[in-house]
Structures are given as structure tokens and as C-alpha cells.
Amino acid sequence: MSDRLPGFSTLAVHAGAQPDPTTGARATPIYQTTSFVFNDADHAASLFGLQSFGNIYTRIGNPTNAVLEERVAALEGGTAALAVASGHAAQVVVLQQLLQPGDEFIAARKLYGGSINQFTHAFKSFGWNVVWADPDDITTFERAVSPRTKAIFIESIANPGGSITDIEAISTVARKAGVPLIVDNTLASPYLIRPIDHGADIVVHSLTKFLGGHGNSLGGIIVDAGTFDWSTGGKYPMLSEPRPEYHGIRLQETFGNFAFAIACRVLGLRDLGPALSPFNAFMILTGIETLPLRMQKHCDNAKAIAEFLAGHPAVASVSYAGLPGDKYNQLARKYAPRGAGAVFTFSLKGGYDAGVSLVSKLQLFSHLANVGDTRSLVIHPASTTHSQLDDAAKIKSGAGPDVVRLSIGIEDKEDLIADLEQALSA
């Protein structure tokens, strides 16, 4: 190929992959093995000592997973990536490199309910403390910064409400505080938004959602932007200080602009163990090949359905950034000009009971706890994904008692609208 930089759709099909050198197989093989044979004792020692790159054990790395990692890093514009077992696993591995017991990280209030639960409760056992900020008021991030702050965490498109976060404004806060900005880009995918282009230092995904796209495989990924200096001020000893388990190597000094991805692999994945199955990596790779086609169809369908719901007498309000009158429409135009995503919420005039009733009457929409499938999905967050929160917290996170969340698939939009019409009428 010439020196021309490949386009997004080309990268989605080809990045990281070559025909198998032994068999000539065009599709990336599933290397379903636990471990790999060393050339000799010196080769083994160099791999374990981080003097050379290669395969040791699938918990740490695998050739199928490596193609997935290189592909997502290319799509996001990062320097390197690490695939793990789930989106939640990605968040644990990322923050393990950054936080010591007693440290804090700032998180946007508008997040997936599972992340709110993980940050509020599970991370307490590690001594990691979350401080909440309002993504609609950037000054709340500024006020939340303290000497213990080690990171800021946001979603590019927030789950469940589909609101667009002002990544550049929050990146400015992170730069001033001298901490990395972590962006969960699950709902947008790099087809709609590339957070690194707007100041993110680390990007995470639940690969389970739009990147995999077919609701058949769990996975998560961490993308290193290569933009943060981990040696500044001694805040991040996991990266800047000598690592005793690797004969005193300083990861920042040795690996430069992909040191964070290396740390996540050789300190996080190695010891915590949330490895991604090579089979799941293969399934997700296959899904990514059609990501541009699917995401555009998702977005086109979602806008049509949001417009339908906005005019329905049983609907109190629709929260979709793709609608001209939505409060996030200007941010959507700036960050996601191809479309505002496929996940959004609407409120029913009948409140909580109407939301519960609606999901039981839909026939084409599947009632389940997932987003990003080719199939259209529905859930009532207040009774499910956000049920652990009190009503005030549900409302702050965009999951009030009257709210229904839709994840719009790639079916014919007329059929989806007909299903919503019959359920709302019933």
C-alpha cells in the first residue's frame, strides 16, 4: 500500500491483521492455547524480563487478542491497547496503575449504573475514593480537585440518557490538575467520537457493546493515548519508580509513549488476571469489521425513532442529543457530527408504572440489560440497572422513575416505530 493513511473503514477491516504466516489463513485465527513454546532459555528469560516482546501465557497476551488490541488502538488514534475480560475489568486495571489507598478520582455523575456502583462501593475495598462532579457544570470538576486527585473519569456519550460530554473542557481541568483524563467511549465508538483527538489520555470500552456489536461476547479494552508524562511530580509510582518484579525497570523511562499500556499488561492483567478469551477476541474482531456500517444505521434509526416519540401524546419528553431542540445538540454537532449514537431515554407521562408496563408490551424490542446489539433493546433503568440508587441519585444520573432506555438496532425503522406505537397505545 502507498504512504496514504488508511481510512476508518479500511482500518476496521485490516488494522493489526495479516494472513497467517504458517497456513495463509486470511481471517485471524483463534489461538486457543494457554501457553507458547520458547526458542531457548535466553529467549524465555528476555520475555519474562521485558527485554523483548512475545507470547508467554494467554493470561498476559495472545496473538488473537493482539490483533484486536492493535485494531482498536488504530481506530482510536492511540499508541497501544490492552484487551481484558470486560468493560468493568478495564476500569479496575486502569485505576490500579494510578491510585494508591487513600487516593481520589473524580467521576462524572452521568454514568452507566454499574460503574456508579463499582466506583461507590467495590472500589472502597481498595481504598480508592470517588468524588462526583456534574458534567453539565465544568466548575464542579475544578472544585473537586484535591492533592489526592489522581484521575478524572467521564463517558463521551453518557449511559443511559445519551447526553454528550464536553471532553475538551474537562480535559482542560485535567491538564491544570496534572492528572490523566479517562474517557469511556463505549456508547460512541471511535466511529462517532475519538476522545484522544479532544484531549483524553486513556480510553476504555466495553467491547461487549457496539464494537463487538452482536450481543454474543464479553470484552473490554484500554487504549493508551501516549500523551501523558507519568514521571511528573512522582504521582504515579507504578509507572515512574523502579519495579522490583522486573529488576528495577522504570516503565515510563523504558517504554515511553506506550508505558501505560505496558503497565496495565505486566502489572495489572498479569496479577489481577481478567484475561480475554481468544475466542471472544475473534468474535469481537469480526464485529468491528462492520462497525462503520452498523453505527451509521444505528444512528439513522435512533434519530427517526426519537422524532416519532417526541410527537407521541403518551411521551412526556425525549432525551436524544440528535434532536435539534435537545440541550446537548450543539455538543453533538461538535463531537459527533455523524450521529448522536443509538442509546437514548424518554419519559412517560404515566411515570414508573407506565415504564414497567411498556417494556412488557414491546414485541420486537428485547427487554434485557445490554446496549449496542444489532437488535433493538429496551430497559426500565429505575427498576433494573440503576435500582441500587435512591430516587435523587437516579434522577441525577438520568435514570428517573419515569425513564425508559432504548438501544436502537439495525432493523427497519418502520418496524421499530410500529412496535413502539402498539405498546404505547396498549
Protein backbone atom coordinates (compact mmCIF):
# COMPACT_ATOMS: atom_id res chain seq x y z
CA MET A 1 0.00 0.00 0.00
CA SER A 2 1.16 3.62 -0.60
CA ASP A 3 2.04 6.08 2.15
CA ARG A 4 -1.61 7.18 2.23
CA LEU A 5 -3.11 6.92 5.71
CA PRO A 6 -5.92 4.32 5.57
CA GLY A 7 -9.46 5.47 6.20
CA PHE A 8 -11.61 4.37 9.12
CA SER A 9 -13.45 1.60 7.28
CA THR A 10 -10.18 0.20 5.95
CA LEU A 11 -8.67 0.16 9.44
CA ALA A 12 -11.79 -1.54 10.81
CA VAL A 13 -11.17 -4.46 8.45
CA HIS A 14 -7.37 -4.61 8.21
CA ALA A 15 -5.61 -2.93 11.17
CA GLY A 16 -3.40 -5.34 13.08
CA ALA A 17 -4.10 -8.32 10.82
CA GLN A 18 -2.03 -10.19 8.27
CA PRO A 19 -2.56 -13.59 6.63
CA ASP A 20 -1.41 -16.33 8.98
CA PRO A 21 2.28 -16.94 8.16
CA THR A 22 2.00 -20.73 8.53
CA THR A 23 -1.30 -21.56 6.86
CA GLY A 24 -2.08 -18.46 4.83
CA ALA A 25 -5.46 -18.12 6.57
CA ARG A 26 -6.95 -14.72 5.73
CA ALA A 27 -9.17 -14.42 8.83
CA THR A 28 -7.26 -14.01 12.08
CA PRO A 29 -7.00 -17.50 13.64
CA ILE A 30 -8.25 -18.26 17.15
CA TYR A 31 -5.08 -19.16 19.03
CA GLN A 32 -6.90 -21.27 21.60
CA THR A 33 -3.89 -22.14 23.72
CA THR A 34 -2.82 -21.43 27.27
CA SER A 35 0.90 -21.01 26.60
CA PHE A 36 3.64 -20.71 23.99
CA VAL A 37 6.94 -22.54 23.41
CA PHE A 38 10.15 -20.55 23.93
CA ASN A 39 13.02 -20.72 21.45
CA ASP A 40 15.51 -21.39 24.23
CA ALA A 41 16.33 -20.42 27.82
CA ASP A 42 17.68 -16.99 26.84
CA HIS A 43 14.52 -16.24 24.86
CA ALA A 44 12.37 -17.18 27.85
CA ALA A 45 14.43 -15.01 30.20
CA SER A 46 14.22 -12.00 27.87
CA LEU A 47 10.43 -12.29 27.65
CA PHE A 48 9.96 -12.54 31.39
CA GLY A 49 12.36 -9.63 31.97
CA LEU A 50 10.60 -7.34 29.45
CA GLN A 51 13.74 -7.18 27.30
CA SER A 52 11.81 -8.45 24.27
CA PHE A 53 8.20 -8.79 23.17
CA GLY A 54 6.48 -12.08 22.54
CA ASN A 55 3.99 -14.60 23.82
CA ILE A 56 4.34 -16.32 27.18
CA TYR A 57 0.90 -17.20 28.55
CA THR A 58 -2.57 -16.24 27.36
CA ARG A 59 -3.42 -14.54 30.64
CA ILE A 60 -0.79 -11.92 29.71
CA GLY A 61 -1.16 -11.89 25.93
CA ASN A 62 -2.32 -13.91 22.94
CA PRO A 63 -1.88 -13.44 19.15
CA THR A 64 -5.64 -13.24 18.51
CA ASN A 65 -6.03 -10.66 21.26
CA ALA A 66 -3.02 -8.75 19.91
CA VAL A 67 -4.78 -8.16 16.57
CA LEU A 68 -7.83 -6.85 18.43
CA GLU A 69 -5.64 -4.55 20.53
CA GLU A 70 -3.81 -3.11 17.53
CA ARG A 71 -7.06 -2.60 15.62
CA VAL A 72 -8.83 -0.68 18.38
CA ALA A 73 -5.71 1.39 19.09
CA ALA A 74 -5.61 2.34 15.40
CA LEU A 75 -9.30 3.25 15.30
CA GLU A 76 -8.98 5.38 18.45
CA GLY A 77 -5.70 7.02 17.42
CA GLY A 78 -3.79 5.60 20.40
CA THR A 79 -0.28 4.21 20.72
CA ALA A 80 -1.21 0.78 22.17
CA ALA A 81 -4.08 -1.11 23.76
CA LEU A 82 -4.81 -3.98 26.12
CA ALA A 83 -7.86 -6.25 25.82
CA VAL A 84 -9.39 -7.64 29.01
CA ALA A 85 -12.40 -9.70 30.04
CA SER A 86 -15.00 -6.90 30.33
CA GLY A 87 -15.51 -3.16 30.49
CA HIS A 88 -15.59 -3.34 34.29
CA ALA A 89 -12.27 -5.21 34.25
CA ALA A 90 -10.79 -2.43 32.10
CA GLN A 91 -11.75 0.15 34.72
CA VAL A 92 -10.20 -1.86 37.55
CA VAL A 93 -6.93 -2.42 35.65
CA VAL A 94 -6.67 1.26 34.64
CA LEU A 95 -7.21 2.64 38.12
CA GLN A 96 -4.90 0.08 39.72
CA GLN A 97 -1.99 1.72 37.87
CA LEU A 98 -2.98 5.21 39.02
CA LEU A 99 -4.34 5.02 42.57
CA GLN A 100 -2.87 4.08 45.92
CA PRO A 101 -5.03 3.51 49.03
CA GLY A 102 -6.49 6.84 50.13
CA ASP A 103 -6.27 8.43 46.67
CA GLU A 104 -9.21 10.01 44.87
CA PHE A 105 -10.53 10.16 41.33
CA ILE A 106 -13.24 12.47 40.00
CA ALA A 107 -16.09 10.94 38.01
CA ALA A 108 -18.99 12.42 36.11
CA ARG A 109 -22.34 11.70 37.76
CA LYS A 110 -23.88 10.68 34.44
CA LEU A 111 -22.50 7.15 34.08
CA TYR A 112 -23.65 3.62 33.50
CA GLY A 113 -25.31 2.38 36.71
CA GLY A 114 -22.85 -0.49 37.04
CA SER A 115 -19.94 1.97 37.00
CA ILE A 116 -21.61 4.11 39.66
CA ASN A 117 -21.98 1.01 41.82
CA GLN A 118 -18.39 -0.13 41.16
CA PHE A 119 -16.94 3.29 41.95
CA THR A 120 -19.09 3.91 45.02
CA HIS A 121 -18.92 0.50 46.70
CA ALA A 122 -16.48 -2.03 45.21
CA PHE A 123 -13.55 0.38 44.99
CA LYS A 124 -13.84 1.24 48.68
CA SER A 125 -12.23 -2.10 49.48
CA PHE A 126 -9.13 -0.91 47.58
CA GLY A 127 -9.10 2.40 49.44
CA TRP A 128 -9.94 4.30 46.24
CA ASN A 129 -12.36 7.17 46.76
CA VAL A 130 -14.62 8.64 44.09
CA VAL A 131 -15.63 12.32 44.09
CA TRP A 132 -18.64 13.08 41.92
CA ALA A 133 -18.94 16.04 39.53
CA ASP A 134 -21.68 17.31 37.21
CA PRO A 135 -20.73 17.08 33.50
CA ASP A 136 -23.20 19.90 32.81
CA ASP A 137 -21.22 22.21 35.14
CA ILE A 138 -17.48 22.10 34.44
CA THR A 139 -16.75 24.15 37.57
CA THR A 140 -17.78 21.15 39.69
CA PHE A 141 -14.79 19.26 38.28
CA GLU A 142 -12.50 22.18 39.13
CA ARG A 143 -13.82 22.34 42.69
CA ALA A 144 -13.47 18.59 43.15
CA VAL A 145 -9.70 18.60 42.53
CA SER A 146 -7.61 17.96 45.66
CA PRO A 147 -3.99 16.95 46.38
CA ARG A 148 -5.21 13.32 46.42
CA THR A 149 -6.80 13.50 42.93
CA LYS A 150 -5.12 11.10 40.51
CA ALA A 151 -7.55 10.92 37.55
CA ILE A 152 -10.80 12.19 36.03
CA PHE A 153 -13.28 9.71 34.53
CA ILE A 154 -16.14 10.54 32.12
CA GLU A 155 -18.24 8.93 29.39
CA SER A 156 -18.18 10.52 25.92
CA ILE A 157 -21.88 9.72 25.47
CA ALA A 158 -23.42 9.06 28.86
CA ASN A 159 -25.43 5.95 29.64
CA PRO A 160 -28.43 5.85 29.95
CA GLY A 161 -29.51 9.31 28.80
CA GLY A 162 -27.30 9.69 25.72
CA SER A 163 -26.05 13.13 26.82
CA ILE A 164 -22.84 14.38 25.19
CA THR A 165 -19.95 15.30 27.49
CA ASP A 166 -17.74 18.31 26.76
CA ILE A 167 -14.48 16.35 26.59
CA GLU A 168 -12.25 19.32 25.72
CA ALA A 169 -13.49 21.42 28.63
CA ILE A 170 -12.92 18.63 31.14
CA SER A 171 -9.55 17.85 29.56
CA THR A 172 -8.53 21.42 30.36
CA VAL A 173 -9.38 20.80 34.01
CA ALA A 174 -7.36 17.57 33.99
CA ARG A 175 -4.34 19.29 32.42
CA LYS A 176 -4.43 22.05 35.01
CA ALA A 177 -4.64 19.46 37.80
CA GLY A 178 -1.82 17.40 36.28
CA VAL A 179 -3.89 14.21 36.09
CA PRO A 180 -4.96 11.98 33.17
CA LEU A 181 -8.42 12.14 31.65
CA ILE A 182 -10.04 8.71 31.21
CA VAL A 183 -12.94 8.51 28.76
CA ASP A 184 -15.33 5.59 28.45
CA ASN A 185 -16.15 5.67 24.74
CA THR A 186 -18.47 2.64 24.71
CA LEU A 187 -21.67 4.30 23.50
CA ALA A 188 -19.99 6.42 20.84
CA SER A 189 -17.38 4.02 19.48
CA PRO A 190 -14.47 5.63 17.60
CA TYR A 191 -16.71 5.86 14.54
CA LEU A 192 -18.65 8.70 16.18
CA ILE A 193 -16.13 10.20 18.64
CA ARG A 194 -12.37 9.79 19.10
CA PRO A 195 -11.75 11.17 22.61
CA ILE A 196 -7.96 11.27 22.17
CA ASP A 197 -8.47 13.93 19.48
CA HIS A 198 -10.18 16.05 22.16
CA GLY A 199 -7.69 15.64 25.00
CA ALA A 200 -8.27 12.18 26.51
CA ASP A 201 -5.19 10.36 27.82
CA ILE A 202 -6.80 6.94 28.27
CA VAL A 203 -9.85 5.47 26.51
CA VAL A 204 -11.78 2.45 27.77
CA HIS A 205 -14.56 0.42 26.15
CA SER A 206 -16.91 -2.34 26.93
CA LEU A 207 -16.17 -4.33 23.77
CA THR A 208 -19.38 -6.20 24.55
CA LYS A 209 -21.37 -3.30 23.14
CA PHE A 210 -21.01 -1.53 19.78
CA LEU A 211 -17.50 -2.68 18.88
CA GLY A 212 -18.49 -6.36 19.10
CA GLY A 213 -21.98 -5.35 18.10
CA HIS A 214 -23.82 -8.67 18.11
CA GLY A 215 -24.53 -9.38 21.76
CA ASN A 216 -22.54 -12.61 21.80
CA SER A 217 -19.19 -11.91 23.52
CA LEU A 218 -17.99 -10.08 26.63
CA GLY A 219 -14.83 -8.00 26.47
CA GLY A 220 -13.18 -4.75 27.48
CA ILE A 221 -10.24 -2.71 26.23
CA ILE A 222 -7.85 0.01 27.42
CA VAL A 223 -6.29 2.38 24.88
CA ASP A 224 -3.18 4.40 25.77
CA ALA A 225 -3.10 7.78 24.03
CA GLY A 226 0.63 8.14 24.73
CA THR A 227 0.06 11.77 25.72
CA PHE A 228 0.66 11.83 29.48
CA ASP A 229 4.02 12.25 31.24
CA TRP A 230 3.83 9.70 34.06
CA SER A 231 7.07 10.87 35.67
CA THR A 232 5.77 14.32 36.62
CA GLY A 233 5.73 15.02 40.35
CA GLY A 234 6.06 11.39 41.43
CA LYS A 235 2.26 10.97 41.43
CA TYR A 236 2.32 7.65 39.60
CA PRO A 237 4.95 5.38 41.17
CA MET A 238 3.67 2.28 39.34
CA LEU A 239 4.99 3.88 36.14
CA SER A 240 7.78 6.18 37.30
CA GLU A 241 9.52 4.22 40.07
CA PRO A 242 11.73 1.11 39.65
CA ARG A 243 9.66 -2.06 39.51
CA PRO A 244 11.17 -4.71 41.78
CA GLU A 245 9.43 -7.55 39.91
CA TYR A 246 11.26 -6.50 36.72
CA HIS A 247 14.79 -5.88 38.03
CA GLY A 248 14.28 -2.17 38.63
CA ILE A 249 12.86 -1.18 35.23
CA ARG A 250 11.10 2.20 35.19
CA LEU A 251 8.20 1.67 32.79
CA GLN A 252 7.85 5.34 31.76
CA GLU A 253 11.57 5.58 31.02
CA THR A 254 11.78 2.24 29.20
CA PHE A 255 8.57 2.25 27.14
CA GLY A 256 7.88 5.95 26.58
CA ASN A 257 4.56 6.80 24.96
CA PHE A 258 3.05 3.34 25.42
CA ALA A 259 4.22 2.84 29.02
CA PHE A 260 0.70 2.95 30.42
CA ALA A 261 -0.49 0.11 28.17
CA ILE A 262 2.56 -1.92 29.22
CA ALA A 263 1.85 -1.24 32.91
CA CYS A 264 -1.74 -2.39 32.51
CA ARG A 265 -0.49 -5.63 30.94
CA VAL A 266 2.53 -6.55 33.08
CA LEU A 267 1.32 -5.18 36.43
CA GLY A 268 -2.48 -5.24 36.12
CA LEU A 269 -3.51 -8.08 33.82
CA ARG A 270 -0.63 -10.30 34.94
CA ASP A 271 -1.58 -10.13 38.64
CA LEU A 272 -5.32 -9.45 38.65
CA GLY A 273 -5.95 -11.93 35.84
CA PRO A 274 -9.06 -10.66 33.94
CA ALA A 275 -7.89 -12.17 30.64
CA LEU A 276 -10.00 -12.04 27.49
CA SER A 277 -10.71 -15.38 25.83
CA PRO A 278 -9.14 -15.63 22.33
CA PHE A 279 -12.48 -16.90 21.07
CA ASN A 280 -14.19 -13.73 22.32
CA ALA A 281 -11.42 -11.65 20.75
CA PHE A 282 -12.11 -13.37 17.41
CA MET A 283 -15.85 -12.69 17.67
CA ILE A 284 -15.28 -9.03 18.55
CA LEU A 285 -12.77 -8.61 15.71
CA THR A 286 -15.39 -9.93 13.30
CA GLY A 287 -17.90 -7.43 14.67
CA ILE A 288 -15.51 -4.49 14.30
CA GLU A 289 -15.20 -5.16 10.56
CA THR A 290 -18.77 -3.88 10.08
CA LEU A 291 -18.64 -1.14 12.75
CA PRO A 292 -18.90 1.83 10.33
CA LEU A 293 -21.89 0.32 8.54
CA ARG A 294 -23.67 -0.63 11.72
CA MET A 295 -23.07 2.60 13.62
CA GLN A 296 -24.45 4.76 10.84
CA LYS A 297 -27.58 2.60 10.62
CA HIS A 298 -27.91 2.66 14.43
CA CYS A 299 -27.75 6.46 14.42
CA ASP A 300 -30.10 6.97 11.49
CA ASN A 301 -32.68 4.67 13.08
CA ALA A 302 -32.29 6.28 16.51
CA LYS A 303 -32.94 9.76 15.19
CA ALA A 304 -36.09 8.65 13.36
CA ILE A 305 -37.44 6.89 16.44
CA ALA A 306 -36.60 9.82 18.73
CA GLU A 307 -38.54 12.11 16.39
CA PHE A 308 -41.51 9.73 16.49
CA LEU A 309 -41.51 9.54 20.28
CA ALA A 310 -41.14 13.31 20.65
CA GLY A 311 -44.51 13.70 18.91
CA HIS A 312 -46.37 10.94 20.76
CA PRO A 313 -49.08 12.00 23.26
CA ALA A 314 -48.06 9.37 25.85
CA VAL A 315 -44.48 10.65 25.98
CA ALA A 316 -43.53 13.44 28.36
CA SER A 317 -40.05 14.09 27.00
CA VAL A 318 -37.26 12.61 24.88
CA SER A 319 -33.58 12.93 25.74
CA TYR A 320 -31.67 12.48 22.47
CA ALA A 321 -28.81 14.77 21.51
CA GLY A 322 -29.58 14.31 17.81
CA LEU A 323 -32.83 16.29 18.11
CA PRO A 324 -32.42 20.00 17.23
CA GLY A 325 -34.08 21.20 20.43
CA ASP A 326 -32.10 18.95 22.79
CA LYS A 327 -29.83 20.67 25.32
CA TYR A 328 -26.87 18.59 24.10
CA ASN A 329 -27.45 19.14 20.39
CA GLN A 330 -24.65 21.70 19.99
CA LEU A 331 -22.18 19.35 21.70
CA ALA A 332 -23.38 16.53 19.44
CA ARG A 333 -22.74 18.68 16.38
CA LYS A 334 -19.22 19.39 17.65
CA TYR A 335 -18.14 15.95 18.86
CA ALA A 336 -20.35 13.52 16.91
CA PRO A 337 -21.33 15.04 13.55
CA ARG A 338 -22.06 11.60 12.04
CA GLY A 339 -24.79 10.93 14.60
CA ALA A 340 -25.59 11.20 18.29
CA GLY A 341 -25.47 7.48 18.99
CA ALA A 342 -28.07 4.76 19.31
CA VAL A 343 -28.86 4.85 23.04
CA PHE A 344 -31.27 7.36 24.50
CA THR A 345 -34.08 7.73 27.02
CA PHE A 346 -37.60 9.02 27.09
CA SER A 347 -40.04 9.74 29.91
CA LEU A 348 -43.62 8.53 30.00
CA LYS A 349 -46.49 10.59 31.35
CA GLY A 350 -47.62 7.59 33.41
CA GLY A 351 -44.42 7.54 35.48
CA TYR A 352 -42.79 4.44 36.97
CA ASP A 353 -45.73 2.09 36.38
CA ALA A 354 -46.04 3.14 32.74
CA GLY A 355 -42.34 2.43 32.18
CA VAL A 356 -42.58 -1.05 33.67
CA SER A 357 -45.75 -1.74 31.66
CA LEU A 358 -44.26 -0.54 28.36
CA VAL A 359 -41.28 -2.88 28.38
CA SER A 360 -43.57 -5.85 28.89
CA LYS A 361 -45.73 -4.93 25.89
CA LEU A 362 -42.99 -4.46 23.30
CA GLN A 363 -42.57 -7.40 20.92
CA LEU A 364 -39.70 -6.59 18.55
CA PHE A 365 -37.59 -4.85 21.19
CA SER A 366 -35.82 -7.26 23.56
CA HIS A 367 -36.13 -6.48 27.26
CA LEU A 368 -32.63 -7.06 28.64
CA ALA A 369 -29.63 -5.41 30.31
CA ASN A 370 -27.36 -4.58 27.39
CA VAL A 371 -26.82 -1.98 24.68
CA GLY A 372 -25.04 -1.94 21.35
CA ASP A 373 -26.61 -5.04 19.82
CA THR A 374 -27.75 -5.35 16.20
CA ARG A 375 -31.17 -5.98 17.77
CA SER A 376 -33.16 -3.18 19.38
CA LEU A 377 -33.23 -3.37 23.16
CA VAL A 378 -35.27 -1.78 25.94
CA ILE A 379 -34.98 -1.49 29.69
CA HIS A 380 -36.52 0.47 32.55
CA PRO A 381 -33.36 1.63 34.41
CA ALA A 382 -35.04 2.64 37.67
CA SER A 383 -36.19 -0.93 38.29
CA THR A 384 -33.04 -2.64 36.96
CA THR A 385 -29.62 -1.16 36.09
CA HIS A 386 -29.98 1.84 38.44
CA SER A 387 -32.19 0.20 41.07
CA GLN A 388 -29.43 0.34 43.71
CA LEU A 389 -29.63 4.16 43.70
CA ASP A 390 -32.15 6.27 45.62
CA ASP A 391 -34.60 8.38 43.59
CA ALA A 392 -32.49 11.55 43.85
CA ALA A 393 -29.40 9.73 42.57
CA LYS A 394 -31.41 8.08 39.80
CA ILE A 395 -32.59 11.45 38.56
CA LYS A 396 -29.06 12.93 38.69
CA SER A 397 -27.74 10.03 36.62
CA GLY A 398 -30.53 10.40 34.03
CA ALA A 399 -32.48 7.33 35.16
CA GLY A 400 -35.52 8.76 36.92
CA PRO A 401 -38.54 6.56 37.79
CA ASP A 402 -40.42 7.53 34.59
CA VAL A 403 -37.47 6.92 32.24
CA VAL A 404 -37.20 4.14 29.64
CA ARG A 405 -33.89 3.46 27.86
CA LEU A 406 -33.73 2.30 24.25
CA SER A 407 -30.76 0.89 22.37
CA ILE A 408 -31.76 1.12 18.73
CA GLY A 409 -30.64 -1.70 16.44
CA ILE A 410 -30.27 -2.03 12.69
CA GLU A 411 -33.74 -3.36 11.86
CA ASP A 412 -36.08 -1.43 9.55
CA LYS A 413 -37.07 1.72 11.42
CA GLU A 414 -40.71 1.40 10.30
CA ASP A 415 -41.00 -1.93 12.15
CA LEU A 416 -39.46 -0.47 15.31
CA ILE A 417 -41.82 2.50 15.24
CA ALA A 418 -44.81 0.17 14.73
CA ASP A 419 -43.77 -1.88 17.76
CA LEU A 420 -43.47 1.24 19.94
CA GLU A 421 -46.80 2.51 18.66
CA GLN A 422 -48.67 -0.67 19.57
CA ALA A 423 -47.07 -0.81 23.03
CA LEU A 424 -47.77 2.84 23.80
CA SER A 425 -51.35 2.52 22.56
CA ALA A 426 -51.96 -0.62 24.58
